[in-house]
Amino acid sequence: MSTHTDTLGRLEQTIAARRDASPDTSYVAKLNAKGLPKIAQKLGEEATEAVIAAVSGSNEELVGESADLLFHLLVLLNAKGVSLDHVLAELDRREGLSGLDEKASRGDA
């Protein structure tokens, strides 16, 4: 039985496989060829679009923009050599911890 985490894992693998493909045939390769600043910029654009969809769009628009945001986050993580498992482990570490307490532990209170 497939889970949504499996979906993200498969997407992470696809992104890794396409990273070094030809930029003429792969959007992932095209982003990577433009470098980390462009990938980060694209992630920021997608985050903004998700926020706009949340505030003034339909749920379907929010779902689409959220998918774009997750995709571009995985592209950025891959470009930085950070695995999805590493991010999920951090979420596991934070589970059961108050968000306020977690922020305070980072000095973000």
PDB file of N, CA and C in Angstrom:
ATOM      1  N   MET A   1       0.835  -1.181   0.000  1.00  0.00           N
ATOM      2  CA  MET A   1       0.000   0.000   0.000  1.00  0.00           C
ATOM      3  C   MET A   1       0.883   1.249   0.000  1.00  0.00           C
ATOM      4  N   SER A   2       0.584   2.163  -0.890  1.00  0.00           N
ATOM      5  CA  SER A   2       1.372   3.378  -1.034  1.00  0.00           C
ATOM      6  C   SER A   2       0.922   4.437  -0.041  1.00  0.00           C
ATOM      7  N   THR A   3       1.873   5.178   0.470  1.00  0.00           N
ATOM      8  CA  THR A   3       1.555   6.294   1.355  1.00  0.00           C
ATOM      9  C   THR A   3       2.007   7.583   0.693  1.00  0.00           C
ATOM     10  N   HIS A   4       1.577   8.691   1.250  1.00  0.00           N
ATOM     11  CA  HIS A   4       1.988   9.976   0.703  1.00  0.00           C
ATOM     12  C   HIS A   4       3.478  10.206   0.885  1.00  0.00           C
ATOM     13  N   THR A   5       4.050   9.646   1.938  1.00  0.00           N
ATOM     14  CA  THR A   5       5.495   9.730   2.121  1.00  0.00           C
ATOM     15  C   THR A   5       6.204   8.986   0.997  1.00  0.00           C
ATOM     16  N   ASP A   6       5.613   7.870   0.551  1.00  0.00           N
ATOM     17  CA  ASP A   6       6.166   7.142  -0.593  1.00  0.00           C
ATOM     18  C   ASP A   6       6.175   8.034  -1.830  1.00  0.00           C
ATOM     19  N   THR A   7       5.111   8.798  -2.009  1.00  0.00           N
ATOM     20  CA  THR A   7       5.016   9.714  -3.153  1.00  0.00           C
ATOM     21  C   THR A   7       6.148  10.718  -3.112  1.00  0.00           C
ATOM     22  N   LEU A   8       6.385  11.317  -1.959  1.00  0.00           N
ATOM     23  CA  LEU A   8       7.486  12.277  -1.828  1.00  0.00           C
ATOM     24  C   LEU A   8       8.837  11.595  -2.042  1.00  0.00           C
ATOM     25  N   GLY A   9       8.982  10.381  -1.550  1.00  0.00           N
ATOM     26  CA  GLY A   9      10.225   9.636  -1.749  1.00  0.00           C
ATOM     27  C   GLY A   9      10.473   9.336  -3.219  1.00  0.00           C
ATOM     28  N   ARG A  10       9.425   8.940  -3.931  1.00  0.00           N
ATOM     29  CA  ARG A  10       9.567   8.686  -5.370  1.00  0.00           C
ATOM     30  C   ARG A  10       9.917   9.975  -6.103  1.00  0.00           C
ATOM     31  N   LEU A  11       9.282  11.072  -5.707  1.00  0.00           N
ATOM     32  CA  LEU A  11       9.583  12.352  -6.339  1.00  0.00           C
ATOM     33  C   LEU A  11      11.031  12.746  -6.065  1.00  0.00           C
ATOM     34  N   GLU A  12      11.495  12.539  -4.843  1.00  0.00           N
ATOM     35  CA  GLU A  12      12.892  12.839  -4.509  1.00  0.00           C
ATOM     36  C   GLU A  12      13.835  12.030  -5.404  1.00  0.00           C
ATOM     37  N   GLN A  13      13.521  10.754  -5.625  1.00  0.00           N
ATOM     38  CA  GLN A  13      14.352   9.907  -6.484  1.00  0.00           C
ATOM     39  C   GLN A  13      14.327  10.380  -7.935  1.00  0.00           C
ATOM     40  N   THR A  14      13.158  10.785  -8.401  1.00  0.00           N
ATOM     41  CA  THR A  14      13.041  11.291  -9.772  1.00  0.00           C
ATOM     42  C   THR A  14      13.860  12.559  -9.944  1.00  0.00           C
ATOM     43  N   ILE A  15      13.778  13.457  -8.972  1.00  0.00           N
ATOM     44  CA  ILE A  15      14.552  14.697  -9.025  1.00  0.00           C
ATOM     45  C   ILE A  15      16.047  14.385  -9.066  1.00  0.00           C
ATOM     46  N   ALA A  16      16.497  13.456  -8.228  1.00  0.00           N
ATOM     47  CA  ALA A  16      17.915  13.074  -8.209  1.00  0.00           C
ATOM     48  C   ALA A  16      18.338  12.495  -9.555  1.00  0.00           C
ATOM     49  N   ALA A  17      17.478  11.680 -10.147  1.00  0.00           N
ATOM     50  CA  ALA A  17      17.808  11.047 -11.427  1.00  0.00           C
ATOM     51  C   ALA A  17      17.871  12.061 -12.567  1.00  0.00           C
ATOM     52  N   ARG A  18      17.072  13.105 -12.480  1.00  0.00           N
ATOM     53  CA  ARG A  18      17.005  14.082 -13.569  1.00  0.00           C
ATOM     54  C   ARG A  18      17.951  15.268 -13.390  1.00  0.00           C
ATOM     55  N   ARG A  19      18.573  15.361 -12.259  1.00  0.00           N
ATOM     56  CA  ARG A  19      19.435  16.513 -11.957  1.00  0.00           C
ATOM     57  C   ARG A  19      20.519  16.712 -13.011  1.00  0.00           C
ATOM     58  N   ASP A  20      21.124  15.646 -13.461  1.00  0.00           N
ATOM     59  CA  ASP A  20      22.231  15.745 -14.409  1.00  0.00           C
ATOM     60  C   ASP A  20      21.823  15.442 -15.843  1.00  0.00           C
ATOM     61  N   ALA A  21      20.523  15.421 -16.101  1.00  0.00           N
ATOM     62  CA  ALA A  21      20.042  15.222 -17.466  1.00  0.00           C
ATOM     63  C   ALA A  21      20.301  16.484 -18.284  1.00  0.00           C
ATOM     64  N   SER A  22      19.926  16.461 -19.518  1.00  0.00           N
ATOM     65  CA  SER A  22      20.074  17.643 -20.358  1.00  0.00           C
ATOM     66  C   SER A  22      19.040  18.695 -19.960  1.00  0.00           C
ATOM     67  N   PRO A  23      19.477  19.939 -19.783  1.00  0.00           N
ATOM     68  CA  PRO A  23      18.520  21.011 -19.493  1.00  0.00           C
ATOM     69  C   PRO A  23      17.485  21.205 -20.603  1.00  0.00           C
ATOM     70  N   ASP A  24      17.780  20.666 -21.786  1.00  0.00           N
ATOM     71  CA  ASP A  24      16.825  20.752 -22.894  1.00  0.00           C
ATOM     72  C   ASP A  24      15.660  19.777 -22.732  1.00  0.00           C
ATOM     73  N   THR A  25      15.865  18.747 -21.902  1.00  0.00           N
ATOM     74  CA  THR A  25      14.827  17.728 -21.763  1.00  0.00           C
ATOM     75  C   THR A  25      14.283  17.597 -20.345  1.00  0.00           C
ATOM     76  N   SER A  26      14.878  18.294 -19.385  1.00  0.00           N
ATOM     77  CA  SER A  26      14.472  18.142 -17.986  1.00  0.00           C
ATOM     78  C   SER A  26      14.390  19.496 -17.293  1.00  0.00           C
ATOM     79  N   TYR A  27      13.235  19.781 -16.726  1.00  0.00           N
ATOM     80  CA  TYR A  27      13.044  21.010 -15.955  1.00  0.00           C
ATOM     81  C   TYR A  27      13.954  21.015 -14.733  1.00  0.00           C
ATOM     82  N   VAL A  28      14.114  19.861 -14.078  1.00  0.00           N
ATOM     83  CA  VAL A  28      14.996  19.761 -12.911  1.00  0.00           C
ATOM     84  C   VAL A  28      16.432  20.103 -13.310  1.00  0.00           C
ATOM     85  N   ALA A  29      16.888  19.544 -14.408  1.00  0.00           N
ATOM     86  CA  ALA A  29      18.246  19.839 -14.882  1.00  0.00           C
ATOM     87  C   ALA A  29      18.387  21.304 -15.260  1.00  0.00           C
ATOM     88  N   LYS A  30      17.354  21.870 -15.862  1.00  0.00           N
ATOM     89  CA  LYS A  30      17.381  23.285 -16.245  1.00  0.00           C
ATOM     90  C   LYS A  30      17.510  24.178 -15.010  1.00  0.00           C
ATOM     91  N   LEU A  31      16.741  23.869 -13.963  1.00  0.00           N
ATOM     92  CA  LEU A  31      16.853  24.633 -12.717  1.00  0.00           C
ATOM     93  C   LEU A  31      18.248  24.511 -12.117  1.00  0.00           C
ATOM     94  N   ASN A  32      18.758  23.289 -12.056  1.00  0.00           N
ATOM     95  CA  ASN A  32      20.089  23.072 -11.478  1.00  0.00           C
ATOM     96  C   ASN A  32      21.174  23.771 -12.287  1.00  0.00           C
ATOM     97  N   ALA A  33      21.015  23.822 -13.606  1.00  0.00           N
ATOM     98  CA  ALA A  33      22.008  24.498 -14.443  1.00  0.00           C
ATOM     99  C   ALA A  33      22.053  25.993 -14.145  1.00  0.00           C
ATOM    100  N   LYS A  34      20.936  26.555 -13.679  1.00  0.00           N
ATOM    101  CA  LYS A  34      20.876  27.982 -13.353  1.00  0.00           C
ATOM    102  C   LYS A  34      21.450  28.282 -11.973  1.00  0.00           C
ATOM    103  N   GLY A  35      21.650  27.243 -11.169  1.00  0.00           N
ATOM    104  CA  GLY A  35      22.305  27.414  -9.882  1.00  0.00           C
ATOM    105  C   GLY A  35      21.361  27.559  -8.701  1.00  0.00           C
ATOM    106  N   LEU A  36      21.962  27.448  -7.542  1.00  0.00           N
ATOM    107  CA  LEU A  36      21.226  27.473  -6.283  1.00  0.00           C
ATOM    108  C   LEU A  36      20.405  28.749  -6.077  1.00  0.00           C
ATOM    109  N   PRO A  37      20.954  29.941  -6.393  1.00  0.00           N
ATOM    110  CA  PRO A  37      20.132  31.149  -6.196  1.00  0.00           C
ATOM    111  C   PRO A  37      18.828  31.122  -6.992  1.00  0.00           C
ATOM    112  N   LYS A  38      18.862  30.596  -8.216  1.00  0.00           N
ATOM    113  CA  LYS A  38      17.651  30.521  -9.037  1.00  0.00           C
ATOM    114  C   LYS A  38      16.670  29.509  -8.461  1.00  0.00           C
ATOM    115  N   ILE A  39      17.192  28.382  -7.972  1.00  0.00           N
ATOM    116  CA  ILE A  39      16.321  27.373  -7.361  1.00  0.00           C
ATOM    117  C   ILE A  39      15.646  27.969  -6.128  1.00  0.00           C
ATOM    118  N   ALA A  40      16.414  28.675  -5.309  1.00  0.00           N
ATOM    119  CA  ALA A  40      15.860  29.304  -4.107  1.00  0.00           C
ATOM    120  C   ALA A  40      14.834  30.373  -4.479  1.00  0.00           C
ATOM    121  N   GLN A  41      15.120  31.142  -5.496  1.00  0.00           N
ATOM    122  CA  GLN A  41      14.170  32.161  -5.961  1.00  0.00           C
ATOM    123  C   GLN A  41      12.868  31.508  -6.400  1.00  0.00           C
ATOM    124  N   LYS A  42      12.976  30.417  -7.141  1.00  0.00           N
ATOM    125  CA  LYS A  42      11.773  29.720  -7.618  1.00  0.00           C
ATOM    126  C   LYS A  42      10.968  29.179  -6.443  1.00  0.00           C
ATOM    127  N   LEU A  43      11.646  28.652  -5.426  1.00  0.00           N
ATOM    128  CA  LEU A  43      10.953  28.178  -4.227  1.00  0.00           C
ATOM    129  C   LEU A  43      10.202  29.331  -3.569  1.00  0.00           C
ATOM    130  N   GLY A  44      10.834  30.482  -3.473  1.00  0.00           N
ATOM    131  CA  GLY A  44      10.189  31.657  -2.895  1.00  0.00           C
ATOM    132  C   GLY A  44       8.962  32.080  -3.681  1.00  0.00           C
ATOM    133  N   GLU A  45       9.068  32.040  -5.003  1.00  0.00           N
ATOM    134  CA  GLU A  45       7.922  32.381  -5.851  1.00  0.00           C
ATOM    135  C   GLU A  45       6.756  31.420  -5.604  1.00  0.00           C
ATOM    136  N   GLU A  46       7.085  30.139  -5.516  1.00  0.00           N
ATOM    137  CA  GLU A  46       6.034  29.142  -5.286  1.00  0.00           C
ATOM    138  C   GLU A  46       5.411  29.314  -3.905  1.00  0.00           C
ATOM    139  N   ALA A  47       6.222  29.665  -2.912  1.00  0.00           N
ATOM    140  CA  ALA A  47       5.687  29.911  -1.563  1.00  0.00           C
ATOM    141  C   ALA A  47       4.723  31.092  -1.586  1.00  0.00           C
ATOM    142  N   THR A  48       5.103  32.138  -2.292  1.00  0.00           N
ATOM    143  CA  THR A  48       4.227  33.312  -2.402  1.00  0.00           C
ATOM    144  C   THR A  48       2.922  32.946  -3.095  1.00  0.00           C
ATOM    145  N   GLU A  49       3.009  32.166  -4.155  1.00  0.00           N
ATOM    146  CA  GLU A  49       1.803  31.744  -4.869  1.00  0.00           C
ATOM    147  C   GLU A  49       0.903  30.889  -3.977  1.00  0.00           C
ATOM    148  N   ALA A  50       1.499  30.053  -3.136  1.00  0.00           N
ATOM    149  CA  ALA A  50       0.706  29.241  -2.201  1.00  0.00           C
ATOM    150  C   ALA A  50       0.006  30.131  -1.184  1.00  0.00           C
ATOM    151  N   VAL A  51       0.697  31.147  -0.698  1.00  0.00           N
ATOM    152  CA  VAL A  51       0.093  32.085   0.261  1.00  0.00           C
ATOM    153  C   VAL A  51      -1.072  32.821  -0.390  1.00  0.00           C
ATOM    154  N   ILE A  52      -0.875  33.290  -1.592  1.00  0.00           N
ATOM    155  CA  ILE A  52      -1.951  34.000  -2.301  1.00  0.00           C
ATOM    156  C   ILE A  52      -3.147  33.076  -2.511  1.00  0.00           C
ATOM    157  N   ALA A  53      -2.895  31.842  -2.907  1.00  0.00           N
ATOM    158  CA  ALA A  53      -3.987  30.882  -3.101  1.00  0.00           C
ATOM    159  C   ALA A  53      -4.717  30.612  -1.792  1.00  0.00           C
ATOM    160  N   ALA A  54      -3.978  30.561  -0.691  1.00  0.00           N
ATOM    161  CA  ALA A  54      -4.606  30.304   0.615  1.00  0.00           C
ATOM    162  C   ALA A  54      -5.519  31.451   1.012  1.00  0.00           C
ATOM    163  N   VAL A  55      -5.108  32.671   0.705  1.00  0.00           N
ATOM    164  CA  VAL A  55      -5.853  33.851   1.135  1.00  0.00           C
ATOM    165  C   VAL A  55      -7.010  34.166   0.187  1.00  0.00           C
ATOM    166  N   SER A  56      -6.776  34.042  -1.101  1.00  0.00           N
ATOM    167  CA  SER A  56      -7.806  34.516  -2.027  1.00  0.00           C
ATOM    168  C   SER A  56      -8.187  33.534  -3.120  1.00  0.00           C
ATOM    169  N   GLY A  57      -7.636  32.344  -3.092  1.00  0.00           N
ATOM    170  CA  GLY A  57      -7.946  31.366  -4.126  1.00  0.00           C
ATOM    171  C   GLY A  57      -8.843  30.258  -3.609  1.00  0.00           C
ATOM    172  N   SER A  58      -9.102  29.335  -4.483  1.00  0.00           N
ATOM    173  CA  SER A  58      -9.907  28.167  -4.121  1.00  0.00           C
ATOM    174  C   SER A  58      -9.023  27.114  -3.458  1.00  0.00           C
ATOM    175  N   ASN A  59      -9.650  26.140  -2.860  1.00  0.00           N
ATOM    176  CA  ASN A  59      -8.886  25.028  -2.284  1.00  0.00           C
ATOM    177  C   ASN A  59      -8.102  24.294  -3.367  1.00  0.00           C
ATOM    178  N   GLU A  60      -8.679  24.173  -4.551  1.00  0.00           N
ATOM    179  CA  GLU A  60      -7.980  23.497  -5.651  1.00  0.00           C
ATOM    180  C   GLU A  60      -6.724  24.269  -6.053  1.00  0.00           C
ATOM    181  N   GLU A  61      -6.811  25.605  -6.063  1.00  0.00           N
ATOM    182  CA  GLU A  61      -5.630  26.407  -6.361  1.00  0.00           C
ATOM    183  C   GLU A  61      -4.561  26.220  -5.286  1.00  0.00           C
ATOM    184  N   LEU A  62      -4.991  26.179  -4.048  1.00  0.00           N
ATOM    185  CA  LEU A  62      -4.050  25.965  -2.950  1.00  0.00           C
ATOM    186  C   LEU A  62      -3.377  24.601  -3.064  1.00  0.00           C
ATOM    187  N   VAL A  63      -4.134  23.594  -3.423  1.00  0.00           N
ATOM    188  CA  VAL A  63      -3.560  22.253  -3.599  1.00  0.00           C
ATOM    189  C   VAL A  63      -2.508  22.270  -4.710  1.00  0.00           C
ATOM    190  N   GLY A  64      -2.832  22.888  -5.826  1.00  0.00           N
ATOM    191  CA  GLY A  64      -1.879  22.951  -6.938  1.00  0.00           C
ATOM    192  C   GLY A  64      -0.617  23.710  -6.578  1.00  0.00           C
ATOM    193  N   GLU A  65      -0.784  24.849  -5.931  1.00  0.00           N
ATOM    194  CA  GLU A  65       0.384  25.640  -5.531  1.00  0.00           C
ATOM    195  C   GLU A  65       1.196  24.926  -4.458  1.00  0.00           C
ATOM    196  N   SER A  66       0.530  24.204  -3.572  1.00  0.00           N
ATOM    197  CA  SER A  66       1.244  23.435  -2.542  1.00  0.00           C
ATOM    198  C   SER A  66       2.074  22.328  -3.166  1.00  0.00           C
ATOM    199  N   ALA A  67       1.528  21.682  -4.201  1.00  0.00           N
ATOM    200  CA  ALA A  67       2.291  20.655  -4.908  1.00  0.00           C
ATOM    201  C   ALA A  67       3.526  21.268  -5.562  1.00  0.00           C
ATOM    202  N   ASP A  68       3.346  22.438  -6.194  1.00  0.00           N
ATOM    203  CA  ASP A  68       4.499  23.128  -6.791  1.00  0.00           C
ATOM    204  C   ASP A  68       5.540  23.478  -5.733  1.00  0.00           C
ATOM    205  N   LEU A  69       5.073  23.939  -4.578  1.00  0.00           N
ATOM    206  CA  LEU A  69       5.972  24.316  -3.486  1.00  0.00           C
ATOM    207  C   LEU A  69       6.767  23.113  -2.985  1.00  0.00           C
ATOM    208  N   LEU A  70       6.092  21.994  -2.762  1.00  0.00           N
ATOM    209  CA  LEU A  70       6.797  20.795  -2.311  1.00  0.00           C
ATOM    210  C   LEU A  70       7.811  20.320  -3.349  1.00  0.00           C
ATOM    211  N   PHE A  71       7.419  20.346  -4.618  1.00  0.00           N
ATOM    212  CA  PHE A  71       8.334  19.942  -5.687  1.00  0.00           C
ATOM    213  C   PHE A  71       9.598  20.796  -5.659  1.00  0.00           C
ATOM    214  N   HIS A  72       9.426  22.113  -5.633  1.00  0.00           N
ATOM    215  CA  HIS A  72      10.584  22.998  -5.665  1.00  0.00           C
ATOM    216  C   HIS A  72      11.413  22.920  -4.388  1.00  0.00           C
ATOM    217  N   LEU A  73      10.769  22.633  -3.256  1.00  0.00           N
ATOM    218  CA  LEU A  73      11.521  22.398  -2.026  1.00  0.00           C
ATOM    219  C   LEU A  73      12.408  21.169  -2.173  1.00  0.00           C
ATOM    220  N   LEU A  74      11.879  20.110  -2.762  1.00  0.00           N
ATOM    221  CA  LEU A  74      12.681  18.901  -2.963  1.00  0.00           C
ATOM    222  C   LEU A  74      13.830  19.152  -3.943  1.00  0.00           C
ATOM    223  N   VAL A  75      13.604  19.981  -4.961  1.00  0.00           N
ATOM    224  CA  VAL A  75      14.688  20.330  -5.884  1.00  0.00           C
ATOM    225  C   VAL A  75      15.787  21.074  -5.119  1.00  0.00           C
ATOM    226  N   LEU A  76      15.390  22.015  -4.265  1.00  0.00           N
ATOM    227  CA  LEU A  76      16.370  22.765  -3.475  1.00  0.00           C
ATOM    228  C   LEU A  76      17.123  21.856  -2.504  1.00  0.00           C
ATOM    229  N   LEU A  77      16.405  20.999  -1.809  1.00  0.00           N
ATOM    230  CA  LEU A  77      17.059  20.074  -0.886  1.00  0.00           C
ATOM    231  C   LEU A  77      18.079  19.216  -1.622  1.00  0.00           C
ATOM    232  N   ASN A  78      17.695  18.705  -2.792  1.00  0.00           N
ATOM    233  CA  ASN A  78      18.600  17.879  -3.583  1.00  0.00           C
ATOM    234  C   ASN A  78      19.843  18.667  -3.986  1.00  0.00           C
ATOM    235  N   ALA A  79      19.640  19.904  -4.406  1.00  0.00           N
ATOM    236  CA  ALA A  79      20.770  20.734  -4.825  1.00  0.00           C
ATOM    237  C   ALA A  79      21.742  20.984  -3.669  1.00  0.00           C
ATOM    238  N   LYS A  80      21.222  21.014  -2.452  1.00  0.00           N
ATOM    239  CA  LYS A  80      22.048  21.223  -1.266  1.00  0.00           C
ATOM    240  C   LYS A  80      22.566  19.915  -0.663  1.00  0.00           C
ATOM    241  N   GLY A  81      22.151  18.783  -1.219  1.00  0.00           N
ATOM    242  CA  GLY A  81      22.594  17.496  -0.698  1.00  0.00           C
ATOM    243  C   GLY A  81      21.902  17.100   0.593  1.00  0.00           C
ATOM    244  N   VAL A  82      20.711  17.635   0.820  1.00  0.00           N
ATOM    245  CA  VAL A  82      19.927  17.316   2.017  1.00  0.00           C
ATOM    246  C   VAL A  82      18.805  16.359   1.613  1.00  0.00           C
ATOM    247  N   SER A  83      18.706  15.250   2.314  1.00  0.00           N
ATOM    248  CA  SER A  83      17.684  14.264   1.968  1.00  0.00           C
ATOM    249  C   SER A  83      16.353  14.572   2.645  1.00  0.00           C
ATOM    250  N   LEU A  84      15.300  14.090   2.032  1.00  0.00           N
ATOM    251  CA  LEU A  84      13.978  14.193   2.628  1.00  0.00           C
ATOM    252  C   LEU A  84      13.962  13.465   3.969  1.00  0.00           C
ATOM    253  N   ASP A  85      14.660  12.350   4.064  1.00  0.00           N
ATOM    254  CA  ASP A  85      14.728  11.615   5.334  1.00  0.00           C
ATOM    255  C   ASP A  85      15.301  12.487   6.456  1.00  0.00           C
ATOM    256  N   HIS A  86      16.263  13.321   6.130  1.00  0.00           N
ATOM    257  CA  HIS A  86      16.855  14.203   7.122  1.00  0.00           C
ATOM    258  C   HIS A  86      15.804  15.192   7.632  1.00  0.00           C
ATOM    259  N   VAL A  87      15.021  15.748   6.721  1.00  0.00           N
ATOM    260  CA  VAL A  87      13.964  16.685   7.104  1.00  0.00           C
ATOM    261  C   VAL A  87      12.894  15.965   7.924  1.00  0.00           C
ATOM    262  N   LEU A  88      12.512  14.777   7.491  1.00  0.00           N
ATOM    263  CA  LEU A  88      11.495  14.015   8.225  1.00  0.00           C
ATOM    264  C   LEU A  88      11.989  13.631   9.616  1.00  0.00           C
ATOM    265  N   ALA A  89      13.280  13.328   9.731  1.00  0.00           N
ATOM    266  CA  ALA A  89      13.845  13.021  11.051  1.00  0.00           C
ATOM    267  C   ALA A  89      13.753  14.231  11.974  1.00  0.00           C
ATOM    268  N   GLU A  90      13.950  15.414  11.424  1.00  0.00           N
ATOM    269  CA  GLU A  90      13.822  16.633  12.233  1.00  0.00           C
ATOM    270  C   GLU A  90      12.376  16.826  12.683  1.00  0.00           C
ATOM    271  N   LEU A  91      11.430  16.555  11.790  1.00  0.00           N
ATOM    272  CA  LEU A  91      10.019  16.631  12.187  1.00  0.00           C
ATOM    273  C   LEU A  91       9.703  15.604  13.270  1.00  0.00           C
ATOM    274  N   ASP A  92      10.252  14.398  13.126  1.00  0.00           N
ATOM    275  CA  ASP A  92      10.069  13.370  14.163  1.00  0.00           C
ATOM    276  C   ASP A  92      10.632  13.845  15.497  1.00  0.00           C
ATOM    277  N   ARG A  93      11.787  14.493  15.443  1.00  0.00           N
ATOM    278  CA  ARG A  93      12.421  14.984  16.672  1.00  0.00           C
ATOM    279  C   ARG A  93      11.530  16.009  17.367  1.00  0.00           C
ATOM    280  N   ARG A  94      10.851  16.794  16.575  1.00  0.00           N
ATOM    281  CA  ARG A  94      10.006  17.855  17.129  1.00  0.00           C
ATOM    282  C   ARG A  94       8.625  17.366  17.563  1.00  0.00           C
ATOM    283  N   GLU A  95       8.259  16.160  17.162  1.00  0.00           N
ATOM    284  CA  GLU A  95       6.926  15.651  17.486  1.00  0.00           C
ATOM    285  C   GLU A  95       6.709  15.621  18.996  1.00  0.00           C
ATOM    286  N   GLY A  96       5.569  16.125  19.404  1.00  0.00           N
ATOM    287  CA  GLY A  96       5.231  16.141  20.819  1.00  0.00           C
ATOM    288  C   GLY A  96       5.780  17.338  21.557  1.00  0.00           C
ATOM    289  N   LEU A  97       6.561  18.151  20.872  1.00  0.00           N
ATOM    290  CA  LEU A  97       7.139  19.341  21.474  1.00  0.00           C
ATOM    291  C   LEU A  97       6.273  20.529  21.083  1.00  0.00           C
ATOM    292  N   SER A  98       5.887  21.314  22.037  1.00  0.00           N
ATOM    293  CA  SER A  98       5.115  22.525  21.765  1.00  0.00           C
ATOM    294  C   SER A  98       5.858  23.388  20.767  1.00  0.00           C
ATOM    295  N   GLY A  99       5.131  23.934  19.808  1.00  0.00           N
ATOM    296  CA  GLY A  99       5.746  24.838  18.851  1.00  0.00           C
ATOM    297  C   GLY A  99       6.400  26.028  19.531  1.00  0.00           C
ATOM    298  N   LEU A 100       5.781  26.511  20.594  1.00  0.00           N
ATOM    299  CA  LEU A 100       6.365  27.628  21.332  1.00  0.00           C
ATOM    300  C   LEU A 100       7.663  27.213  22.009  1.00  0.00           C
ATOM    301  N   ASP A 101       7.674  26.001  22.596  1.00  0.00           N
ATOM    302  CA  ASP A 101       8.897  25.512  23.232  1.00  0.00           C
ATOM    303  C   ASP A 101       9.999  25.278  22.215  1.00  0.00           C
ATOM    304  N   GLU A 102       9.628  24.739  21.053  1.00  0.00           N
ATOM    305  CA  GLU A 102      10.621  24.465  20.012  1.00  0.00           C
ATOM    306  C   GLU A 102      11.228  25.767  19.521  1.00  0.00           C
ATOM    307  N   LYS A 103      10.410  26.780  19.285  1.00  0.00           N
ATOM    308  CA  LYS A 103      10.932  28.083  18.851  1.00  0.00           C
ATOM    309  C   LYS A 103      11.835  28.680  19.925  1.00  0.00           C
ATOM    310  N   ALA A 104      11.447  28.569  21.180  1.00  0.00           N
ATOM    311  CA  ALA A 104      12.248  29.111  22.277  1.00  0.00           C
ATOM    312  C   ALA A 104      13.616  28.422  22.337  1.00  0.00           C
ATOM    313  N   SER A 105      13.660  27.122  22.035  1.00  0.00           N
ATOM    314  CA  SER A 105      14.927  26.397  22.075  1.00  0.00           C
ATOM    315  C   SER A 105      15.883  26.877  20.996  1.00  0.00           C
ATOM    316  N   ARG A 106      15.343  27.502  19.948  1.00  0.00           N
ATOM    317  CA  ARG A 106      16.180  28.039  18.860  1.00  0.00           C
ATOM    318  C   ARG A 106      16.458  29.526  19.064  1.00  0.00           C
ATOM    319  N   GLY A 107      15.867  30.102  20.109  1.00  0.00           N
ATOM    320  CA  GLY A 107      16.034  31.536  20.334  1.00  0.00           C
ATOM    321  C   GLY A 107      15.138  32.378  19.460  1.00  0.00           C
ATOM    322  N   ASP A 108      14.065  31.775  18.906  1.00  0.00           N
ATOM    323  CA  ASP A 108      13.143  32.490  18.017  1.00  0.00           C
ATOM    324  C   ASP A 108      11.910  33.018  18.752  1.00  0.00           C
ATOM    325  N   ALA A 109      11.884  32.958  20.058  1.00  0.00           N
ATOM    326  CA  ALA A 109      10.679  33.302  20.813  1.00  0.00           C
ATOM    327  C   ALA A 109      10.239  34.707  20.669  1.00  0.00           C
TER     328      ALA A 109
END
